[in-house]
C-alpha atoms as a PDB file:
ATOM      1  CA  MET A   1      12.497 -14.873   8.842  1.00  0.00           C
ATOM      2  CA  ARG A   2      13.420 -14.618  12.579  1.00  0.00           C
ATOM      3  CA  LEU A   3      12.189 -11.712  14.619  1.00  0.00           C
ATOM      4  CA  ASP A   4      14.492 -11.184  17.783  1.00  0.00           C
ATOM      5  CA  ASN A   5      13.047  -8.504  20.205  1.00  0.00           C
ATOM      6  CA  ARG A   6      10.722  -7.177  17.369  1.00  0.00           C
ATOM      7  CA  ALA A   7       7.135  -7.541  16.303  1.00  0.00           C
ATOM      8  CA  LEU A   8       5.249  -7.579  13.042  1.00  0.00           C
ATOM      9  CA  ALA A   9       1.971  -6.348  12.358  1.00  0.00           C
ATOM     10  CA  THR A  10      -0.430  -6.055   9.347  1.00  0.00           C
ATOM     11  CA  SER A  11      -3.173  -3.882   8.251  1.00  0.00           C
ATOM     12  CA  GLY A  12      -5.129  -3.886   4.831  1.00  0.00           C
ATOM     13  CA  ASN A  13      -8.153  -2.927   3.003  1.00  0.00           C
ATOM     14  CA  TYR A  14      -8.077  -6.370   0.999  1.00  0.00           C
ATOM     15  CA  ARG A  15     -11.020  -7.932   2.879  1.00  0.00           C
ATOM     16  CA  LYS A  16     -13.124  -5.308   4.524  1.00  0.00           C
ATOM     17  CA  PHE A  17     -14.603  -2.994   2.360  1.00  0.00           C
ATOM     18  CA  PHE A  18     -17.472  -2.286   0.269  1.00  0.00           C
ATOM     19  CA  ILE A  19     -18.326  -1.030  -3.257  1.00  0.00           C
ATOM     20  CA  GLU A  20     -21.288   1.328  -3.973  1.00  0.00           C
ATOM     21  CA  ASP A  21     -21.811   2.776  -7.205  1.00  0.00           C
ATOM     22  CA  GLY A  22     -18.655   1.610  -8.572  1.00  0.00           C
ATOM     23  CA  ILE A  23     -16.830   3.364  -6.027  1.00  0.00           C
ATOM     24  CA  LYS A  24     -14.698   1.065  -3.504  1.00  0.00           C
ATOM     25  CA  TYR A  25     -15.021   2.449   0.181  1.00  0.00           C
ATOM     26  CA  SER A  26     -12.329   0.983   2.635  1.00  0.00           C
ATOM     27  CA  HIS A  27     -12.808   0.304   6.226  1.00  0.00           C
ATOM     28  CA  THR A  28      -9.653   2.239   7.072  1.00  0.00           C
ATOM     29  CA  ILE A  29     -11.132   5.919   8.095  1.00  0.00           C
ATOM     30  CA  ASP A  30      -8.777   8.912   7.596  1.00  0.00           C
ATOM     31  CA  PRO A  31      -8.767  10.756  11.043  1.00  0.00           C
ATOM     32  CA  ARG A  32      -7.967  13.781   8.982  1.00  0.00           C
ATOM     33  CA  THR A  33     -11.289  13.861   6.819  1.00  0.00           C
ATOM     34  CA  GLY A  34     -13.475  11.351   8.786  1.00  0.00           C
ATOM     35  CA  TYR A  35     -13.931   9.593   5.433  1.00  0.00           C
ATOM     36  CA  PRO A  36     -12.774   6.184   4.238  1.00  0.00           C
ATOM     37  CA  VAL A  37      -9.319   6.310   2.768  1.00  0.00           C
ATOM     38  CA  ARG A  38      -9.367   6.193  -1.278  1.00  0.00           C
ATOM     39  CA  HIS A  39      -6.241   5.106  -2.393  1.00  0.00           C
ATOM     40  CA  THR A  40      -4.383   2.063  -3.834  1.00  0.00           C
ATOM     41  CA  LEU A  41      -2.423   0.694  -0.739  1.00  0.00           C
ATOM     42  CA  LEU A  42      -3.943  -2.784  -0.145  1.00  0.00           C
ATOM     43  CA  SER A  43      -1.802  -4.004   2.632  1.00  0.00           C
ATOM     44  CA  ALA A  44       1.137  -2.834   4.902  1.00  0.00           C
ATOM     45  CA  THR A  45       3.190  -4.961   7.120  1.00  0.00           C
ATOM     46  CA  VAL A  46       5.416  -3.298   9.377  1.00  0.00           C
ATOM     47  CA  ILE A  47       8.300  -4.508  11.679  1.00  0.00           C
ATOM     48  CA  ALA A  48       8.997  -2.443  14.761  1.00  0.00           C
ATOM     49  CA  PRO A  49      10.684  -3.014  18.319  1.00  0.00           C
ATOM     50  CA  ASP A  50       7.045  -3.781  19.650  1.00  0.00           C
ATOM     51  CA  GLY A  51       3.729  -5.078  18.663  1.00  0.00           C
ATOM     52  CA  ALA A  52       1.910  -1.610  19.608  1.00  0.00           C
ATOM     53  CA  THR A  53       4.378   0.303  17.477  1.00  0.00           C
ATOM     54  CA  ALA A  54       4.370  -1.998  14.688  1.00  0.00           C
ATOM     55  CA  ASP A  55       0.348  -2.056  14.590  1.00  0.00           C
ATOM     56  CA  ALA A  56       0.395   1.672  14.705  1.00  0.00           C
ATOM     57  CA  TRP A  57       2.581   2.239  11.963  1.00  0.00           C
ATOM     58  CA  ALA A  58       0.874  -0.213   9.782  1.00  0.00           C
ATOM     59  CA  THR A  59      -2.538   1.440  10.416  1.00  0.00           C
ATOM     60  CA  ALA A  60      -0.696   4.930   9.655  1.00  0.00           C
ATOM     61  CA  CYS A  61       0.743   3.650   6.429  1.00  0.00           C
ATOM     62  CA  MET A  62      -3.019   2.599   5.463  1.00  0.00           C
ATOM     63  CA  VAL A  63      -4.270   5.882   6.256  1.00  0.00           C
ATOM     64  CA  ALA A  64      -1.505   7.726   4.506  1.00  0.00           C
ATOM     65  CA  GLY A  65      -0.937   5.579   1.241  1.00  0.00           C
ATOM     66  CA  THR A  66       1.698   4.150  -0.734  1.00  0.00           C
ATOM     67  CA  GLU A  67       4.138   6.899  -1.137  1.00  0.00           C
ATOM     68  CA  ALA A  68       4.016   8.459   2.311  1.00  0.00           C
ATOM     69  CA  ALA A  69       4.260   4.835   3.736  1.00  0.00           C
ATOM     70  CA  ILE A  70       7.405   4.078   1.748  1.00  0.00           C
ATOM     71  CA  SER A  71       8.680   7.808   3.098  1.00  0.00           C
ATOM     72  CA  PHE A  72       7.884   6.587   6.728  1.00  0.00           C
ATOM     73  CA  ILE A  73       9.243   3.210   6.758  1.00  0.00           C
ATOM     74  CA  ASP A  74      12.582   4.773   4.875  1.00  0.00           C
ATOM     75  CA  LYS A  75      12.918   7.780   7.272  1.00  0.00           C
ATOM     76  CA  TYR A  76      12.351   5.767  10.578  1.00  0.00           C
ATOM     77  CA  ASP A  77      15.429   3.248  11.381  1.00  0.00           C
ATOM     78  CA  ILE A  78      13.322   1.154  13.702  1.00  0.00           C
ATOM     79  CA  LEU A  79      10.752   0.290  11.068  1.00  0.00           C
ATOM     80  CA  GLU A  80      10.992  -2.123   8.225  1.00  0.00           C
ATOM     81  CA  GLY A  81       8.107  -2.949   6.016  1.00  0.00           C
ATOM     82  CA  TYR A  82       6.382  -4.545   3.088  1.00  0.00           C
ATOM     83  CA  LEU A  83       3.552  -3.093   1.318  1.00  0.00           C
ATOM     84  CA  VAL A  84       1.139  -4.458  -1.521  1.00  0.00           C
ATOM     85  CA  PHE A  85      -0.598  -2.165  -3.733  1.00  0.00           C
ATOM     86  CA  SER A  86      -2.183  -1.981  -7.052  1.00  0.00           C
ATOM     87  CA  ASP A  87      -0.540   0.056  -9.831  1.00  0.00           C
ATOM     88  CA  GLU A  88      -2.309   2.572 -12.510  1.00  0.00           C
ATOM     89  CA  LYS A  89      -3.214  -0.582 -14.416  1.00  0.00           C
ATOM     90  CA  GLY A  90      -4.787  -2.172 -11.327  1.00  0.00           C
ATOM     91  CA  GLU A  91      -2.205  -4.919 -11.352  1.00  0.00           C
ATOM     92  CA  MET A  92      -0.738  -5.995  -7.802  1.00  0.00           C
ATOM     93  CA  GLN A  93       2.672  -4.729  -7.070  1.00  0.00           C
ATOM     94  CA  SER A  94       4.771  -5.013  -3.785  1.00  0.00           C
ATOM     95  CA  TRP A  95       7.490  -2.978  -2.218  1.00  0.00           C
ATOM     96  CA  MET A  96       9.960  -4.061   0.493  1.00  0.00           C
ATOM     97  CA  SER A  97      12.245  -2.260   2.688  1.00  0.00           C
ATOM     98  CA  GLU A  98      16.085  -2.796   2.343  1.00  0.00           C
ATOM     99  CA  GLY A  99      16.202  -4.015   6.077  1.00  0.00           C
ATOM    100  CA  LEU A 100      13.529  -6.399   5.352  1.00  0.00           C
ATOM    101  CA  ARG A 101      15.230  -8.400   2.700  1.00  0.00           C
ATOM    102  CA  GLY A 102      18.446  -8.718   5.162  1.00  0.00           C
ATOM    103  CA  LEU A 103      15.772 -10.281   7.472  1.00  0.00           C
ATOM    104  CA  ILE A 104      14.368 -12.895   5.006  1.00  0.00           C
ATOM    105  CA  GLU A 105      16.148 -16.297   5.190  1.00  0.00           C
ATOM    106  CA  GLU A 106      15.911 -18.907   2.409  1.00  0.00           C
ATOM    107  CA  ARG A 107      15.502 -22.453   3.000  1.00  0.00           C
END
């Protein structure tokens, strides 16, 4: 994949977390509640016009969760994204925006 005049950032909860009494606590804090997020989105990769924008949207996706992250990425033409999440069975799944598919080059 080649990014011309764009940047990529990834935010995730797959490494920095702790489990207490069987509950997983993320290092991502929801600013609306002040508590760690509790959803199944594990990683959000966002492509945007610059690094600060990509990083901000990747973090926003991690706060919002999978469905809201897909809505954000689909809504704004400047964004492309790749999400990793666990499904209702706890199995890892992924989602990729249509525009990102067009950026991937097979070798």
